[in-house]
Amino acid sequence: MSDTSPKANARYFELLRQAGPAKRLAICLGLSRATRELAIAGIKQAHRDRTLSDDELRQKLAERLYGAEVARRVFAAGSRDG
């Protein structure tokens, strides 16, 4: 399912093919950053009854991106390092 017309989609990929590797990487990084920002905004919205610490926010983002088990292992390992 797509909200983009086939013509617009074809034009987008045409422009990507014309862009050099550095430009494509910059686009990719920008999309990744925007995705993270949207995910963080969603997490904050879901927990608007209190302010999450930076560590809590990072853990909840990891849970959303990689799953609860991976986040639990990563954050448990991080707590032993300190």
PDB file of N, CA and C in Angstrom:
ATOM      1  N   MET A   1       0.847  -1.172   0.000  1.00  0.00           N
ATOM      2  CA  MET A   1       0.000   0.000   0.000  1.00  0.00           C
ATOM      3  C   MET A   1       0.896   1.240   0.000  1.00  0.00           C
ATOM      4  N   SER A   2       0.548   2.195  -0.829  1.00  0.00           N
ATOM      5  CA  SER A   2       1.358   3.398  -0.943  1.00  0.00           C
ATOM      6  C   SER A   2       0.460   4.607  -1.106  1.00  0.00           C
ATOM      7  N   ASP A   3       0.883   5.703  -0.524  1.00  0.00           N
ATOM      8  CA  ASP A   3       0.136   6.943  -0.698  1.00  0.00           C
ATOM      9  C   ASP A   3       0.786   7.806  -1.776  1.00  0.00           C
ATOM     10  N   THR A   4       1.769   7.241  -2.476  1.00  0.00           N
ATOM     11  CA  THR A   4       2.494   7.958  -3.518  1.00  0.00           C
ATOM     12  C   THR A   4       2.049   7.448  -4.881  1.00  0.00           C
ATOM     13  N   SER A   5       1.782   8.361  -5.786  1.00  0.00           N
ATOM     14  CA  SER A   5       1.362   7.946  -7.123  1.00  0.00           C
ATOM     15  C   SER A   5       2.523   7.239  -7.825  1.00  0.00           C
ATOM     16  N   PRO A   6       2.228   6.331  -8.740  1.00  0.00           N
ATOM     17  CA  PRO A   6       3.295   5.646  -9.480  1.00  0.00           C
ATOM     18  C   PRO A   6       4.210   6.629 -10.218  1.00  0.00           C
ATOM     19  N   LYS A   7       3.646   7.705 -10.740  1.00  0.00           N
ATOM     20  CA  LYS A   7       4.449   8.702 -11.457  1.00  0.00           C
ATOM     21  C   LYS A   7       5.426   9.403 -10.507  1.00  0.00           C
ATOM     22  N   ALA A   8       4.936   9.807  -9.342  1.00  0.00           N
ATOM     23  CA  ALA A   8       5.796  10.472  -8.369  1.00  0.00           C
ATOM     24  C   ALA A   8       6.860   9.508  -7.847  1.00  0.00           C
ATOM     25  N   ASN A   9       6.480   8.267  -7.631  1.00  0.00           N
ATOM     26  CA  ASN A   9       7.418   7.260  -7.157  1.00  0.00           C
ATOM     27  C   ASN A   9       8.533   7.034  -8.191  1.00  0.00           C
ATOM     28  N   ALA A  10       8.159   6.942  -9.460  1.00  0.00           N
ATOM     29  CA  ALA A  10       9.157   6.755 -10.522  1.00  0.00           C
ATOM     30  C   ALA A  10      10.105   7.952 -10.580  1.00  0.00           C
ATOM     31  N   ARG A  11       9.577   9.150 -10.426  1.00  0.00           N
ATOM     32  CA  ARG A  11      10.411  10.360 -10.450  1.00  0.00           C
ATOM     33  C   ARG A  11      11.383  10.376  -9.279  1.00  0.00           C
ATOM     34  N   TYR A  12      10.909   9.984  -8.110  1.00  0.00           N
ATOM     35  CA  TYR A  12      11.760   9.935  -6.920  1.00  0.00           C
ATOM     36  C   TYR A  12      12.948   8.994  -7.158  1.00  0.00           C
ATOM     37  N   PHE A  13      12.681   7.798  -7.664  1.00  0.00           N
ATOM     38  CA  PHE A  13      13.765   6.848  -7.906  1.00  0.00           C
ATOM     39  C   PHE A  13      14.677   7.296  -9.036  1.00  0.00           C
ATOM     40  N   GLU A  14      14.146   8.008 -10.007  1.00  0.00           N
ATOM     41  CA  GLU A  14      14.975   8.582 -11.070  1.00  0.00           C
ATOM     42  C   GLU A  14      15.961   9.594 -10.472  1.00  0.00           C
ATOM     43  N   LEU A  15      15.462  10.444  -9.586  1.00  0.00           N
ATOM     44  CA  LEU A  15      16.332  11.425  -8.930  1.00  0.00           C
ATOM     45  C   LEU A  15      17.377  10.751  -8.043  1.00  0.00           C
ATOM     46  N   LEU A  16      16.993   9.674  -7.364  1.00  0.00           N
ATOM     47  CA  LEU A  16      17.968   8.946  -6.554  1.00  0.00           C
ATOM     48  C   LEU A  16      19.072   8.348  -7.415  1.00  0.00           C
ATOM     49  N   ARG A  17      18.713   7.788  -8.566  1.00  0.00           N
ATOM     50  CA  ARG A  17      19.720   7.216  -9.470  1.00  0.00           C
ATOM     51  C   ARG A  17      20.673   8.282  -9.980  1.00  0.00           C
ATOM     52  N   GLN A  18      20.178   9.486 -10.178  1.00  0.00           N
ATOM     53  CA  GLN A  18      21.013  10.571 -10.684  1.00  0.00           C
ATOM     54  C   GLN A  18      21.933  11.140  -9.594  1.00  0.00           C
ATOM     55  N   ALA A  19      21.542  10.995  -8.361  1.00  0.00           N
ATOM     56  CA  ALA A  19      22.342  11.534  -7.261  1.00  0.00           C
ATOM     57  C   ALA A  19      23.579  10.657  -7.060  1.00  0.00           C
ATOM     58  N   GLY A  20      24.646  11.271  -6.627  1.00  0.00           N
ATOM     59  CA  GLY A  20      25.852  10.515  -6.339  1.00  0.00           C
ATOM     60  C   GLY A  20      25.731   9.782  -5.011  1.00  0.00           C
ATOM     61  N   PRO A  21      26.711   8.938  -4.710  1.00  0.00           N
ATOM     62  CA  PRO A  21      26.675   8.163  -3.469  1.00  0.00           C
ATOM     63  C   PRO A  21      26.597   9.043  -2.215  1.00  0.00           C
ATOM     64  N   ALA A  22      27.316  10.140  -2.195  1.00  0.00           N
ATOM     65  CA  ALA A  22      27.294  11.009  -1.010  1.00  0.00           C
ATOM     66  C   ALA A  22      25.899  11.599  -0.799  1.00  0.00           C
ATOM     67  N   LYS A  23      25.244  12.002  -1.867  1.00  0.00           N
ATOM     68  CA  LYS A  23      23.900  12.571  -1.768  1.00  0.00           C
ATOM     69  C   LYS A  23      22.902  11.508  -1.318  1.00  0.00           C
ATOM     70  N   ARG A  24      23.022  10.293  -1.859  1.00  0.00           N
ATOM     71  CA  ARG A  24      22.120   9.209  -1.444  1.00  0.00           C
ATOM     72  C   ARG A  24      22.319   8.874   0.035  1.00  0.00           C
ATOM     73  N   LEU A  25      23.580   8.884   0.478  1.00  0.00           N
ATOM     74  CA  LEU A  25      23.854   8.631   1.893  1.00  0.00           C
ATOM     75  C   LEU A  25      23.238   9.730   2.761  1.00  0.00           C
ATOM     76  N   ALA A  26      23.374  10.974   2.340  1.00  0.00           N
ATOM     77  CA  ALA A  26      22.797  12.087   3.096  1.00  0.00           C
ATOM     78  C   ALA A  26      21.273  11.952   3.185  1.00  0.00           C
ATOM     79  N   ILE A  27      20.639  11.545   2.097  1.00  0.00           N
ATOM     80  CA  ILE A  27      19.185  11.337   2.095  1.00  0.00           C
ATOM     81  C   ILE A  27      18.822  10.223   3.072  1.00  0.00           C
ATOM     82  N   CYS A  28      19.569   9.141   3.028  1.00  0.00           N
ATOM     83  CA  CYS A  28      19.324   7.997   3.911  1.00  0.00           C
ATOM     84  C   CYS A  28      19.466   8.405   5.372  1.00  0.00           C
ATOM     85  N   LEU A  29      20.526   9.118   5.682  1.00  0.00           N
ATOM     86  CA  LEU A  29      20.737   9.556   7.062  1.00  0.00           C
ATOM     87  C   LEU A  29      19.633  10.500   7.524  1.00  0.00           C
ATOM     88  N   GLY A  30      19.194  11.375   6.635  1.00  0.00           N
ATOM     89  CA  GLY A  30      18.102  12.283   6.972  1.00  0.00           C
ATOM     90  C   GLY A  30      16.805  11.532   7.249  1.00  0.00           C
ATOM     91  N   LEU A  31      16.509  10.524   6.434  1.00  0.00           N
ATOM     92  CA  LEU A  31      15.303   9.723   6.652  1.00  0.00           C
ATOM     93  C   LEU A  31      15.401   8.944   7.961  1.00  0.00           C
ATOM     94  N   SER A  32      16.578   8.414   8.250  1.00  0.00           N
ATOM     95  CA  SER A  32      16.786   7.685   9.500  1.00  0.00           C
ATOM     96  C   SER A  32      16.593   8.607  10.701  1.00  0.00           C
ATOM     97  N   ARG A  33      17.154   9.799  10.621  1.00  0.00           N
ATOM     98  CA  ARG A  33      17.013  10.782  11.706  1.00  0.00           C
ATOM     99  C   ARG A  33      15.548  11.160  11.901  1.00  0.00           C
ATOM    100  N   ALA A  34      14.846  11.383  10.811  1.00  0.00           N
ATOM    101  CA  ALA A  34      13.431  11.745  10.904  1.00  0.00           C
ATOM    102  C   ALA A  34      12.614  10.609  11.525  1.00  0.00           C
ATOM    103  N   THR A  35      12.935   9.376  11.165  1.00  0.00           N
ATOM    104  CA  THR A  35      12.237   8.219  11.729  1.00  0.00           C
ATOM    105  C   THR A  35      12.454   8.139  13.227  1.00  0.00           C
ATOM    106  N   ARG A  36      13.689   8.347  13.666  1.00  0.00           N
ATOM    107  CA  ARG A  36      13.992   8.329  15.103  1.00  0.00           C
ATOM    108  C   ARG A  36      13.240   9.442  15.827  1.00  0.00           C
ATOM    109  N   GLU A  37      13.229  10.627  15.246  1.00  0.00           N
ATOM    110  CA  GLU A  37      12.544  11.757  15.873  1.00  0.00           C
ATOM    111  C   GLU A  37      11.044  11.487  16.006  1.00  0.00           C
ATOM    112  N   LEU A  38      10.458  10.881  14.980  1.00  0.00           N
ATOM    113  CA  LEU A  38       9.034  10.534  15.051  1.00  0.00           C
ATOM    114  C   LEU A  38       8.781   9.461  16.103  1.00  0.00           C
ATOM    115  N   ALA A  39       9.665   8.480  16.174  1.00  0.00           N
ATOM    116  CA  ALA A  39       9.518   7.423  17.174  1.00  0.00           C
ATOM    117  C   ALA A  39       9.627   8.006  18.588  1.00  0.00           C
ATOM    118  N   ILE A  40      10.587   8.886  18.793  1.00  0.00           N
ATOM    119  CA  ILE A  40      10.759   9.517  20.108  1.00  0.00           C
ATOM    120  C   ILE A  40       9.535  10.355  20.468  1.00  0.00           C
ATOM    121  N   ALA A  41       9.015  11.081  19.498  1.00  0.00           N
ATOM    122  CA  ALA A  41       7.808  11.877  19.753  1.00  0.00           C
ATOM    123  C   ALA A  41       6.639  10.964  20.146  1.00  0.00           C
ATOM    124  N   GLY A  42       6.517   9.828  19.478  1.00  0.00           N
ATOM    125  CA  GLY A  42       5.458   8.875  19.818  1.00  0.00           C
ATOM    126  C   GLY A  42       5.626   8.305  21.211  1.00  0.00           C
ATOM    127  N   ILE A  43       6.866   8.009  21.586  1.00  0.00           N
ATOM    128  CA  ILE A  43       7.141   7.487  22.928  1.00  0.00           C
ATOM    129  C   ILE A  43       6.782   8.531  23.980  1.00  0.00           C
ATOM    130  N   LYS A  44       7.197   9.763  23.745  1.00  0.00           N
ATOM    131  CA  LYS A  44       6.863  10.838  24.698  1.00  0.00           C
ATOM    132  C   LYS A  44       5.359  11.024  24.808  1.00  0.00           C
ATOM    133  N   GLN A  45       4.661  10.939  23.694  1.00  0.00           N
ATOM    134  CA  GLN A  45       3.202  11.083  23.691  1.00  0.00           C
ATOM    135  C   GLN A  45       2.552   9.951  24.486  1.00  0.00           C
ATOM    136  N   ALA A  46       3.081   8.747  24.325  1.00  0.00           N
ATOM    137  CA  ALA A  46       2.520   7.590  25.030  1.00  0.00           C
ATOM    138  C   ALA A  46       2.784   7.652  26.531  1.00  0.00           C
ATOM    139  N   HIS A  47       3.786   8.407  26.941  1.00  0.00           N
ATOM    140  CA  HIS A  47       4.142   8.523  28.366  1.00  0.00           C
ATOM    141  C   HIS A  47       4.036   9.975  28.831  1.00  0.00           C
ATOM    142  N   ARG A  48       3.035  10.673  28.364  1.00  0.00           N
ATOM    143  CA  ARG A  48       2.929  12.099  28.665  1.00  0.00           C
ATOM    144  C   ARG A  48       2.563  12.386  30.113  1.00  0.00           C
ATOM    145  N   ASP A  49       2.231  11.323  30.872  1.00  0.00           N
ATOM    146  CA  ASP A  49       1.915  11.510  32.288  1.00  0.00           C
ATOM    147  C   ASP A  49       3.153  11.805  33.126  1.00  0.00           C
ATOM    148  N   ARG A  50       4.349  11.563  32.549  1.00  0.00           N
ATOM    149  CA  ARG A  50       5.593  11.866  33.262  1.00  0.00           C
ATOM    150  C   ARG A  50       6.708  12.115  32.265  1.00  0.00           C
ATOM    151  N   THR A  51       7.759  12.757  32.721  1.00  0.00           N
ATOM    152  CA  THR A  51       8.909  13.028  31.873  1.00  0.00           C
ATOM    153  C   THR A  51       9.880  11.862  31.981  1.00  0.00           C
ATOM    154  N   LEU A  52      10.238  11.284  30.842  1.00  0.00           N
ATOM    155  CA  LEU A  52      11.185  10.179  30.820  1.00  0.00           C
ATOM    156  C   LEU A  52      12.608  10.721  30.876  1.00  0.00           C
ATOM    157  N   SER A  53      13.465  10.032  31.610  1.00  0.00           N
ATOM    158  CA  SER A  53      14.881  10.401  31.605  1.00  0.00           C
ATOM    159  C   SER A  53      15.471  10.041  30.238  1.00  0.00           C
ATOM    160  N   ASP A  54      16.645  10.565  29.964  1.00  0.00           N
ATOM    161  CA  ASP A  54      17.303  10.244  28.697  1.00  0.00           C
ATOM    162  C   ASP A  54      17.537   8.746  28.564  1.00  0.00           C
ATOM    163  N   ASP A  55      17.950   8.090  29.650  1.00  0.00           N
ATOM    164  CA  ASP A  55      18.172   6.641  29.618  1.00  0.00           C
ATOM    165  C   ASP A  55      16.873   5.881  29.352  1.00  0.00           C
ATOM    166  N   GLU A  56      15.791   6.298  30.002  1.00  0.00           N
ATOM    167  CA  GLU A  56      14.499   5.641  29.770  1.00  0.00           C
ATOM    168  C   GLU A  56      14.045   5.827  28.326  1.00  0.00           C
ATOM    169  N   LEU A  57      14.249   7.010  27.813  1.00  0.00           N
ATOM    170  CA  LEU A  57      13.861   7.287  26.435  1.00  0.00           C
ATOM    171  C   LEU A  57      14.674   6.429  25.459  1.00  0.00           C
ATOM    172  N   ARG A  58      15.979   6.327  25.698  1.00  0.00           N
ATOM    173  CA  ARG A  58      16.825   5.492  24.839  1.00  0.00           C
ATOM    174  C   ARG A  58      16.399   4.024  24.909  1.00  0.00           C
ATOM    175  N   GLN A  59      16.066   3.560  26.104  1.00  0.00           N
ATOM    176  CA  GLN A  59      15.651   2.168  26.245  1.00  0.00           C
ATOM    177  C   GLN A  59      14.324   1.920  25.530  1.00  0.00           C
ATOM    178  N   LYS A  60      13.392   2.824  25.687  1.00  0.00           N
ATOM    179  CA  LYS A  60      12.098   2.657  25.015  1.00  0.00           C
ATOM    180  C   LYS A  60      12.236   2.739  23.494  1.00  0.00           C
ATOM    181  N   LEU A  61      13.152   3.581  23.029  1.00  0.00           N
ATOM    182  CA  LEU A  61      13.415   3.643  21.591  1.00  0.00           C
ATOM    183  C   LEU A  61      14.018   2.326  21.115  1.00  0.00           C
ATOM    184  N   ALA A  62      14.966   1.787  21.866  1.00  0.00           N
ATOM    185  CA  ALA A  62      15.564   0.497  21.511  1.00  0.00           C
ATOM    186  C   ALA A  62      14.499  -0.597  21.490  1.00  0.00           C
ATOM    187  N   GLU A  63      13.584  -0.567  22.457  1.00  0.00           N
ATOM    188  CA  GLU A  63      12.493  -1.551  22.477  1.00  0.00           C
ATOM    189  C   GLU A  63      11.649  -1.444  21.216  1.00  0.00           C
ATOM    190  N   ARG A  64      11.361  -0.221  20.823  1.00  0.00           N
ATOM    191  CA  ARG A  64      10.522  -0.007  19.640  1.00  0.00           C
ATOM    192  C   ARG A  64      11.241  -0.442  18.370  1.00  0.00           C
ATOM    193  N   LEU A  65      12.535  -0.168  18.284  1.00  0.00           N
ATOM    194  CA  LEU A  65      13.287  -0.472  17.064  1.00  0.00           C
ATOM    195  C   LEU A  65      13.727  -1.929  16.966  1.00  0.00           C
ATOM    196  N   TYR A  66      14.126  -2.511  18.107  1.00  0.00           N
ATOM    197  CA  TYR A  66      14.773  -3.827  18.065  1.00  0.00           C
ATOM    198  C   TYR A  66      14.054  -4.903  18.869  1.00  0.00           C
ATOM    199  N   GLY A  67      13.031  -4.512  19.617  1.00  0.00           N
ATOM    200  CA  GLY A  67      12.301  -5.474  20.425  1.00  0.00           C
ATOM    201  C   GLY A  67      12.737  -5.421  21.886  1.00  0.00           C
ATOM    202  N   ALA A  68      11.845  -5.859  22.751  1.00  0.00           N
ATOM    203  CA  ALA A  68      12.069  -5.757  24.196  1.00  0.00           C
ATOM    204  C   ALA A  68      13.250  -6.604  24.650  1.00  0.00           C
ATOM    205  N   GLU A  69      13.397  -7.809  24.108  1.00  0.00           N
ATOM    206  CA  GLU A  69      14.473  -8.700  24.553  1.00  0.00           C
ATOM    207  C   GLU A  69      15.844  -8.119  24.225  1.00  0.00           C
ATOM    208  N   VAL A  70      16.011  -7.595  23.030  1.00  0.00           N
ATOM    209  CA  VAL A  70      17.298  -6.985  22.643  1.00  0.00           C
ATOM    210  C   VAL A  70      17.571  -5.767  23.521  1.00  0.00           C
ATOM    211  N   ALA A  71      16.584  -4.920  23.704  1.00  0.00           N
ATOM    212  CA  ALA A  71      16.765  -3.723  24.530  1.00  0.00           C
ATOM    213  C   ALA A  71      17.124  -4.102  25.965  1.00  0.00           C
ATOM    214  N   ARG A  72      16.473  -5.119  26.488  1.00  0.00           N
ATOM    215  CA  ARG A  72      16.754  -5.565  27.855  1.00  0.00           C
ATOM    216  C   ARG A  72      18.207  -6.037  27.980  1.00  0.00           C
ATOM    217  N   ARG A  73      18.662  -6.817  27.002  1.00  0.00           N
ATOM    218  CA  ARG A  73      20.054  -7.303  27.042  1.00  0.00           C
ATOM    219  C   ARG A  73      21.043  -6.158  26.916  1.00  0.00           C
ATOM    220  N   VAL A  74      20.788  -5.223  26.004  1.00  0.00           N
ATOM    221  CA  VAL A  74      21.711  -4.101  25.800  1.00  0.00           C
ATOM    222  C   VAL A  74      21.769  -3.220  27.039  1.00  0.00           C
ATOM    223  N   PHE A  75      20.632  -2.890  27.600  1.00  0.00           N
ATOM    224  CA  PHE A  75      20.616  -1.987  28.747  1.00  0.00           C
ATOM    225  C   PHE A  75      21.063  -2.667  30.021  1.00  0.00           C
ATOM    226  N   ALA A  76      20.868  -3.979  30.126  1.00  0.00           N
ATOM    227  CA  ALA A  76      21.404  -4.710  31.276  1.00  0.00           C
ATOM    228  C   ALA A  76      22.926  -4.744  31.209  1.00  0.00           C
ATOM    229  N   ALA A  77      23.478  -4.937  30.012  1.00  0.00           N
ATOM    230  CA  ALA A  77      24.931  -4.942  29.832  1.00  0.00           C
ATOM    231  C   ALA A  77      25.506  -3.561  30.124  1.00  0.00           C
ATOM    232  N   GLY A  78      24.804  -2.527  29.704  1.00  0.00           N
ATOM    233  CA  GLY A  78      25.259  -1.157  29.944  1.00  0.00           C
ATOM    234  C   GLY A  78      25.289  -0.808  31.415  1.00  0.00           C
ATOM    235  N   SER A  79      24.345  -1.346  32.190  1.00  0.00           N
ATOM    236  CA  SER A  79      24.305  -1.031  33.617  1.00  0.00           C
ATOM    237  C   SER A  79      25.449  -1.716  34.361  1.00  0.00           C
ATOM    238  N   ARG A  80      25.977  -2.818  33.826  1.00  0.00           N
ATOM    239  CA  ARG A  80      27.123  -3.495  34.463  1.00  0.00           C
ATOM    240  C   ARG A  80      28.431  -2.801  34.159  1.00  0.00           C
ATOM    241  N   ASP A  81      28.472  -2.017  33.055  1.00  0.00           N
ATOM    242  CA  ASP A  81      29.712  -1.326  32.660  1.00  0.00           C
ATOM    243  C   ASP A  81      30.044  -0.157  33.577  1.00  0.00           C
ATOM    244  N   GLY A  82      29.001   0.466  34.128  1.00  0.00           N
ATOM    245  CA  GLY A  82      29.174   1.692  34.874  1.00  0.00           C
ATOM    246  C   GLY A  82      29.613   1.457  36.242  1.00  0.00           C
TER     247      GLY A  82
END
